[in-house]
Structures are given as C-alpha cells and as structure tokens.
Amino acid sequence: MKESNRVRKLLIASAVVVLSIPAIAGAVPHVNDAGQVVARVSYTDLNLSSKAGLVTLYKRMKGAADRACGPRNYRRAGSLQQLRDNKQCYNDVLSKLVAKVDNARLNEIHAG
C-alpha cells in the first residue's frame, strides 16, 4: 500500500510540473535579436479619427504589452523583482506603441 501511495504522489507531482511549463514559458518576455521587447498591434481595421477606434486601439496595445512582458501580479510573476521588471516592461512597451502611432488623441488617452 505504501508503495502505491508513493507512486501516486510522484505521478501527481510530475503532472503538476508538466502542466505548469506553459505558464512559466508564457511569463518570459518576447525579445528580438537586438534585446528589445517585441509587441505588435494591427489597427488597419480601425478608424483612428473616432474616439471608439482610438479606445479599441489602446485596448489592443495594452493587451499586446501585457502578453509581451509577462504577468503584472505577484503570484503569477513569482518574485518581487520579476513583478517590477514586468511592470516596467509593460509601461515602456505601451508608451512606445502609443508614440509610434503619433496621434495626439491617443496620447491623451494614454496620459489618462
């Protein structure tokens, strides 16, 4: 009986590790060859002269920055330093995405 309990515990522990690998891999920022975090957003389908189009674009930018930089909560980041790094990355990437579009009204939305 004791042997079967050990085997069962080992199998459960192995399954937990295997299932957590995608979550760990998803926390790593996407970095190009130059060492810059990469985030891309498509907005060819949006009307940037409308407030609705700009709000939609900004939401997409926030999502792209979030995916590129990893989790911004302590439990998912795993450490306080990783959390700080992820938050800084998010803010930097989001600001760069906004600046790249070069739209005054989008800059206002970003400034809050």
N, C-alpha and C. Protein backbone atom coordinates (compact mmCIF):
# COMPACT_ATOMS: atom_id res chain seq x y z
N MET A 1 0.81 -1.19 0.00
CA MET A 1 0.00 0.00 0.00
C MET A 1 0.86 1.26 0.00
N LYS A 2 1.87 1.31 0.85
CA LYS A 2 2.71 2.50 0.94
C LYS A 2 3.40 2.78 -0.39
N GLU A 3 3.82 1.74 -1.07
CA GLU A 3 4.50 1.90 -2.36
C GLU A 3 3.56 2.52 -3.40
N SER A 4 2.31 2.08 -3.43
CA SER A 4 1.36 2.63 -4.40
C SER A 4 1.05 4.09 -4.09
N ASN A 5 1.02 4.48 -2.83
CA ASN A 5 0.79 5.88 -2.47
C ASN A 5 1.96 6.74 -2.93
N ARG A 6 3.17 6.25 -2.78
CA ARG A 6 4.35 7.00 -3.23
C ARG A 6 4.32 7.19 -4.75
N VAL A 7 3.98 6.13 -5.46
CA VAL A 7 3.91 6.21 -6.91
C VAL A 7 2.83 7.20 -7.33
N ARG A 8 1.69 7.15 -6.69
CA ARG A 8 0.59 8.07 -7.00
C ARG A 8 1.03 9.51 -6.75
N LYS A 9 1.68 9.78 -5.62
CA LYS A 9 2.14 11.13 -5.31
C LYS A 9 3.18 11.61 -6.32
N LEU A 10 4.05 10.70 -6.73
CA LEU A 10 5.06 11.05 -7.72
C LEU A 10 4.41 11.39 -9.06
N LEU A 11 3.41 10.62 -9.46
CA LEU A 11 2.70 10.88 -10.71
C LEU A 11 1.96 12.22 -10.66
N ILE A 12 1.34 12.51 -9.53
CA ILE A 12 0.63 13.79 -9.39
C ILE A 12 1.61 14.95 -9.44
N ALA A 13 2.72 14.82 -8.73
CA ALA A 13 3.73 15.89 -8.74
C ALA A 13 4.29 16.09 -10.15
N SER A 14 4.52 15.00 -10.87
CA SER A 14 5.03 15.10 -12.24
C SER A 14 4.01 15.79 -13.15
N ALA A 15 2.75 15.46 -12.98
CA ALA A 15 1.71 16.09 -13.80
C ALA A 15 1.63 17.59 -13.52
N VAL A 16 1.76 17.98 -12.26
CA VAL A 16 1.72 19.41 -11.92
C VAL A 16 2.87 20.15 -12.58
N VAL A 17 4.05 19.57 -12.55
CA VAL A 17 5.21 20.21 -13.18
C VAL A 17 5.01 20.32 -14.68
N VAL A 18 4.59 19.26 -15.32
CA VAL A 18 4.39 19.26 -16.77
C VAL A 18 3.31 20.28 -17.16
N LEU A 19 2.22 20.34 -16.41
CA LEU A 19 1.14 21.27 -16.73
C LEU A 19 1.52 22.72 -16.47
N SER A 20 2.48 22.98 -15.60
CA SER A 20 2.86 24.36 -15.30
C SER A 20 3.90 24.92 -16.27
N ILE A 21 4.50 24.08 -17.11
CA ILE A 21 5.53 24.54 -18.05
C ILE A 21 4.99 25.61 -18.99
N PRO A 22 3.81 25.48 -19.61
CA PRO A 22 3.34 26.55 -20.48
C PRO A 22 3.14 27.87 -19.75
N ALA A 23 2.70 27.84 -18.51
CA ALA A 23 2.53 29.08 -17.74
C ALA A 23 3.87 29.75 -17.48
N ILE A 24 4.87 28.96 -17.17
CA ILE A 24 6.21 29.51 -16.94
C ILE A 24 6.76 30.07 -18.24
N ALA A 25 6.60 29.35 -19.33
CA ALA A 25 7.11 29.82 -20.62
C ALA A 25 6.41 31.09 -21.05
N GLY A 26 5.13 31.24 -20.74
CA GLY A 26 4.38 32.42 -21.12
C GLY A 26 4.81 33.66 -20.37
N ALA A 27 5.52 33.50 -19.27
CA ALA A 27 5.93 34.64 -18.46
C ALA A 27 7.20 35.30 -18.97
N VAL A 28 7.85 34.71 -19.95
CA VAL A 28 9.10 35.25 -20.48
C VAL A 28 8.77 36.27 -21.56
N PRO A 29 9.33 37.49 -21.46
CA PRO A 29 9.05 38.49 -22.49
C PRO A 29 9.55 38.06 -23.86
N HIS A 30 8.88 38.52 -24.92
CA HIS A 30 9.30 38.26 -26.30
C HIS A 30 10.37 39.28 -26.64
N VAL A 31 11.59 38.81 -26.88
CA VAL A 31 12.72 39.71 -27.12
C VAL A 31 13.30 39.42 -28.50
N ASN A 32 13.59 40.50 -29.26
CA ASN A 32 14.19 40.32 -30.58
C ASN A 32 15.71 40.17 -30.47
N ASP A 33 16.39 40.05 -31.60
CA ASP A 33 17.84 39.86 -31.61
C ASP A 33 18.59 41.04 -31.02
N ALA A 34 18.00 42.23 -31.05
CA ALA A 34 18.64 43.42 -30.51
C ALA A 34 18.38 43.57 -29.01
N GLY A 35 17.68 42.61 -28.41
CA GLY A 35 17.41 42.65 -26.98
C GLY A 35 16.22 43.53 -26.61
N GLN A 36 15.39 43.88 -27.58
CA GLN A 36 14.22 44.73 -27.32
C GLN A 36 12.97 43.86 -27.24
N VAL A 37 12.08 44.22 -26.32
CA VAL A 37 10.81 43.50 -26.20
C VAL A 37 9.95 43.85 -27.41
N VAL A 38 9.35 42.82 -27.99
CA VAL A 38 8.58 42.98 -29.21
C VAL A 38 7.08 42.87 -28.92
N ALA A 39 6.32 43.85 -29.40
CA ALA A 39 4.87 43.81 -29.31
C ALA A 39 4.33 44.44 -30.58
N ARG A 40 3.41 43.74 -31.22
CA ARG A 40 2.83 44.25 -32.47
C ARG A 40 1.32 44.36 -32.32
N VAL A 41 0.78 45.41 -32.94
CA VAL A 41 -0.66 45.63 -32.89
C VAL A 41 -1.13 46.02 -34.29
N SER A 42 -2.16 45.35 -34.76
CA SER A 42 -2.74 45.70 -36.05
C SER A 42 -3.92 46.64 -35.80
N TYR A 43 -3.99 47.69 -36.59
CA TYR A 43 -5.11 48.62 -36.45
C TYR A 43 -5.61 49.13 -37.80
N THR A 44 -5.31 48.40 -38.85
CA THR A 44 -5.76 48.81 -40.18
C THR A 44 -7.28 48.78 -40.30
N ASP A 45 -7.95 48.02 -39.44
CA ASP A 45 -9.40 47.92 -39.48
C ASP A 45 -10.09 49.00 -38.65
N LEU A 46 -9.31 49.87 -38.00
CA LEU A 46 -9.89 50.88 -37.10
C LEU A 46 -9.88 52.27 -37.71
N ASN A 47 -10.87 53.05 -37.34
CA ASN A 47 -10.95 54.45 -37.74
C ASN A 47 -10.32 55.28 -36.63
N LEU A 48 -9.10 55.75 -36.84
CA LEU A 48 -8.39 56.49 -35.80
C LEU A 48 -8.84 57.93 -35.66
N SER A 49 -9.80 58.35 -36.48
CA SER A 49 -10.36 59.68 -36.31
C SER A 49 -11.56 59.66 -35.36
N SER A 50 -11.96 58.46 -34.94
CA SER A 50 -13.07 58.35 -33.99
C SER A 50 -12.55 57.94 -32.62
N LYS A 51 -13.25 58.39 -31.59
CA LYS A 51 -12.86 58.03 -30.22
C LYS A 51 -12.96 56.52 -30.01
N ALA A 52 -14.00 55.90 -30.56
CA ALA A 52 -14.18 54.45 -30.42
C ALA A 52 -13.00 53.69 -31.04
N GLY A 53 -12.54 54.13 -32.19
CA GLY A 53 -11.40 53.49 -32.83
C GLY A 53 -10.14 53.62 -32.00
N LEU A 54 -9.94 54.81 -31.43
CA LEU A 54 -8.75 55.03 -30.60
C LEU A 54 -8.80 54.22 -29.31
N VAL A 55 -9.98 54.13 -28.71
CA VAL A 55 -10.13 53.33 -27.48
C VAL A 55 -9.87 51.86 -27.77
N THR A 56 -10.39 51.38 -28.88
CA THR A 56 -10.15 49.99 -29.27
C THR A 56 -8.66 49.74 -29.52
N LEU A 57 -8.02 50.67 -30.20
CA LEU A 57 -6.58 50.54 -30.45
C LEU A 57 -5.81 50.52 -29.14
N TYR A 58 -6.16 51.39 -28.22
CA TYR A 58 -5.45 51.44 -26.94
C TYR A 58 -5.63 50.13 -26.16
N LYS A 59 -6.82 49.56 -26.21
CA LYS A 59 -7.05 48.26 -25.55
C LYS A 59 -6.17 47.18 -26.18
N ARG A 60 -6.07 47.20 -27.51
CA ARG A 60 -5.20 46.23 -28.19
C ARG A 60 -3.75 46.43 -27.78
N MET A 61 -3.32 47.68 -27.67
CA MET A 61 -1.95 47.97 -27.27
C MET A 61 -1.67 47.47 -25.85
N LYS A 62 -2.62 47.68 -24.96
CA LYS A 62 -2.46 47.20 -23.59
C LYS A 62 -2.35 45.68 -23.55
N GLY A 63 -3.18 45.02 -24.36
CA GLY A 63 -3.12 43.56 -24.42
C GLY A 63 -1.80 43.07 -24.98
N ALA A 64 -1.31 43.73 -26.03
CA ALA A 64 -0.03 43.34 -26.63
C ALA A 64 1.12 43.54 -25.65
N ALA A 65 1.11 44.65 -24.93
CA ALA A 65 2.16 44.92 -23.94
C ALA A 65 2.08 43.89 -22.81
N ASP A 66 0.87 43.55 -22.42
CA ASP A 66 0.68 42.55 -21.36
C ASP A 66 1.23 41.20 -21.78
N ARG A 67 0.91 40.78 -23.00
CA ARG A 67 1.40 39.48 -23.49
C ARG A 67 2.92 39.48 -23.68
N ALA A 68 3.46 40.60 -24.12
CA ALA A 68 4.90 40.68 -24.38
C ALA A 68 5.73 40.69 -23.11
N CYS A 69 5.18 41.22 -22.03
CA CYS A 69 6.00 41.48 -20.84
C CYS A 69 5.77 40.54 -19.67
N GLY A 70 4.77 39.72 -19.73
CA GLY A 70 4.54 38.78 -18.63
C GLY A 70 3.60 39.34 -17.59
N PRO A 71 3.29 38.52 -16.60
CA PRO A 71 2.27 38.87 -15.62
C PRO A 71 2.66 40.07 -14.75
N ARG A 72 1.63 40.86 -14.40
CA ARG A 72 1.85 42.02 -13.55
C ARG A 72 1.15 41.86 -12.22
N ASN A 73 1.12 40.64 -11.73
CA ASN A 73 0.67 40.41 -10.35
C ASN A 73 1.69 39.48 -9.68
N TYR A 74 1.84 39.64 -8.40
CA TYR A 74 2.91 38.96 -7.67
C TYR A 74 2.84 37.44 -7.77
N ARG A 75 1.68 36.89 -7.61
CA ARG A 75 1.55 35.43 -7.61
C ARG A 75 2.01 34.81 -8.93
N ARG A 76 1.63 35.43 -10.04
CA ARG A 76 2.00 34.87 -11.34
C ARG A 76 3.43 35.22 -11.72
N ALA A 77 3.92 36.38 -11.28
CA ALA A 77 5.29 36.79 -11.62
C ALA A 77 6.30 35.91 -10.88
N GLY A 78 5.98 35.54 -9.66
CA GLY A 78 6.84 34.62 -8.92
C GLY A 78 7.84 35.28 -7.98
N SER A 79 8.18 36.53 -8.23
CA SER A 79 9.08 37.24 -7.32
C SER A 79 8.81 38.73 -7.44
N LEU A 80 9.20 39.45 -6.43
CA LEU A 80 9.01 40.90 -6.44
C LEU A 80 9.83 41.55 -7.54
N GLN A 81 11.05 41.08 -7.76
CA GLN A 81 11.89 41.66 -8.81
C GLN A 81 11.29 41.39 -10.19
N GLN A 82 10.79 40.18 -10.42
CA GLN A 82 10.17 39.88 -11.71
C GLN A 82 8.92 40.73 -11.91
N LEU A 83 8.16 40.94 -10.85
CA LEU A 83 6.98 41.79 -10.92
C LEU A 83 7.37 43.21 -11.32
N ARG A 84 8.39 43.76 -10.70
CA ARG A 84 8.88 45.11 -11.05
C ARG A 84 9.33 45.16 -12.50
N ASP A 85 10.09 44.15 -12.92
CA ASP A 85 10.57 44.11 -14.30
C ASP A 85 9.41 44.05 -15.30
N ASN A 86 8.42 43.22 -15.00
CA ASN A 86 7.27 43.09 -15.89
C ASN A 86 6.48 44.39 -15.98
N LYS A 87 6.30 45.06 -14.84
CA LYS A 87 5.56 46.32 -14.85
C LYS A 87 6.32 47.39 -15.62
N GLN A 88 7.62 47.45 -15.43
CA GLN A 88 8.43 48.43 -16.16
C GLN A 88 8.39 48.14 -17.65
N CYS A 89 8.51 46.88 -18.02
CA CYS A 89 8.44 46.46 -19.41
C CYS A 89 7.09 46.87 -20.00
N TYR A 90 6.01 46.58 -19.30
CA TYR A 90 4.67 46.91 -19.76
C TYR A 90 4.53 48.41 -20.03
N ASN A 91 4.96 49.22 -19.07
CA ASN A 91 4.86 50.67 -19.23
C ASN A 91 5.69 51.16 -20.40
N ASP A 92 6.90 50.63 -20.54
CA ASP A 92 7.78 51.04 -21.64
C ASP A 92 7.21 50.64 -23.00
N VAL A 93 6.77 49.39 -23.11
CA VAL A 93 6.24 48.89 -24.38
C VAL A 93 4.98 49.66 -24.76
N LEU A 94 4.08 49.87 -23.81
CA LEU A 94 2.85 50.59 -24.09
C LEU A 94 3.14 52.02 -24.55
N SER A 95 4.06 52.69 -23.88
CA SER A 95 4.43 54.05 -24.27
C SER A 95 5.03 54.09 -25.67
N LYS A 96 5.87 53.11 -25.99
CA LYS A 96 6.48 53.06 -27.32
C LYS A 96 5.44 52.79 -28.41
N LEU A 97 4.48 51.92 -28.12
CA LEU A 97 3.41 51.65 -29.09
C LEU A 97 2.59 52.91 -29.36
N VAL A 98 2.25 53.62 -28.30
CA VAL A 98 1.48 54.85 -28.44
C VAL A 98 2.27 55.89 -29.23
N ALA A 99 3.54 56.04 -28.89
CA ALA A 99 4.38 57.02 -29.58
C ALA A 99 4.53 56.69 -31.06
N LYS A 100 4.58 55.42 -31.39
CA LYS A 100 4.78 55.02 -32.78
C LYS A 100 3.60 55.42 -33.66
N VAL A 101 2.39 55.41 -33.11
CA VAL A 101 1.21 55.79 -33.88
C VAL A 101 1.19 57.31 -34.09
N ASP A 102 1.72 58.06 -33.15
CA ASP A 102 1.85 59.51 -33.27
C ASP A 102 0.50 60.18 -33.53
N ASN A 103 -0.43 59.97 -32.58
CA ASN A 103 -1.77 60.53 -32.67
C ASN A 103 -2.03 61.29 -31.37
N ALA A 104 -2.31 62.58 -31.45
CA ALA A 104 -2.49 63.42 -30.27
C ALA A 104 -3.60 62.91 -29.36
N ARG A 105 -4.72 62.48 -29.96
CA ARG A 105 -5.84 61.99 -29.14
C ARG A 105 -5.50 60.67 -28.46
N LEU A 106 -4.72 59.82 -29.11
CA LEU A 106 -4.27 58.58 -28.48
C LEU A 106 -3.31 58.90 -27.33
N ASN A 107 -2.48 59.89 -27.51
CA ASN A 107 -1.57 60.32 -26.44
C ASN A 107 -2.37 60.79 -25.22
N GLU A 108 -3.48 61.47 -25.45
CA GLU A 108 -4.35 61.93 -24.35
C GLU A 108 -4.96 60.74 -23.61
N ILE A 109 -5.41 59.75 -24.36
CA ILE A 109 -5.99 58.54 -23.74
C ILE A 109 -4.92 57.87 -22.89
N HIS A 110 -3.73 57.78 -23.42
CA HIS A 110 -2.62 57.13 -22.70
C HIS A 110 -2.25 57.91 -21.44
N ALA A 111 -2.28 59.22 -21.51
CA ALA A 111 -1.94 60.06 -20.36
C ALA A 111 -2.99 59.95 -19.26
N GLY A 112 -4.19 59.51 -19.64
CA GLY A 112 -5.23 59.23 -18.68
C GLY A 112 -6.00 60.40 -18.24
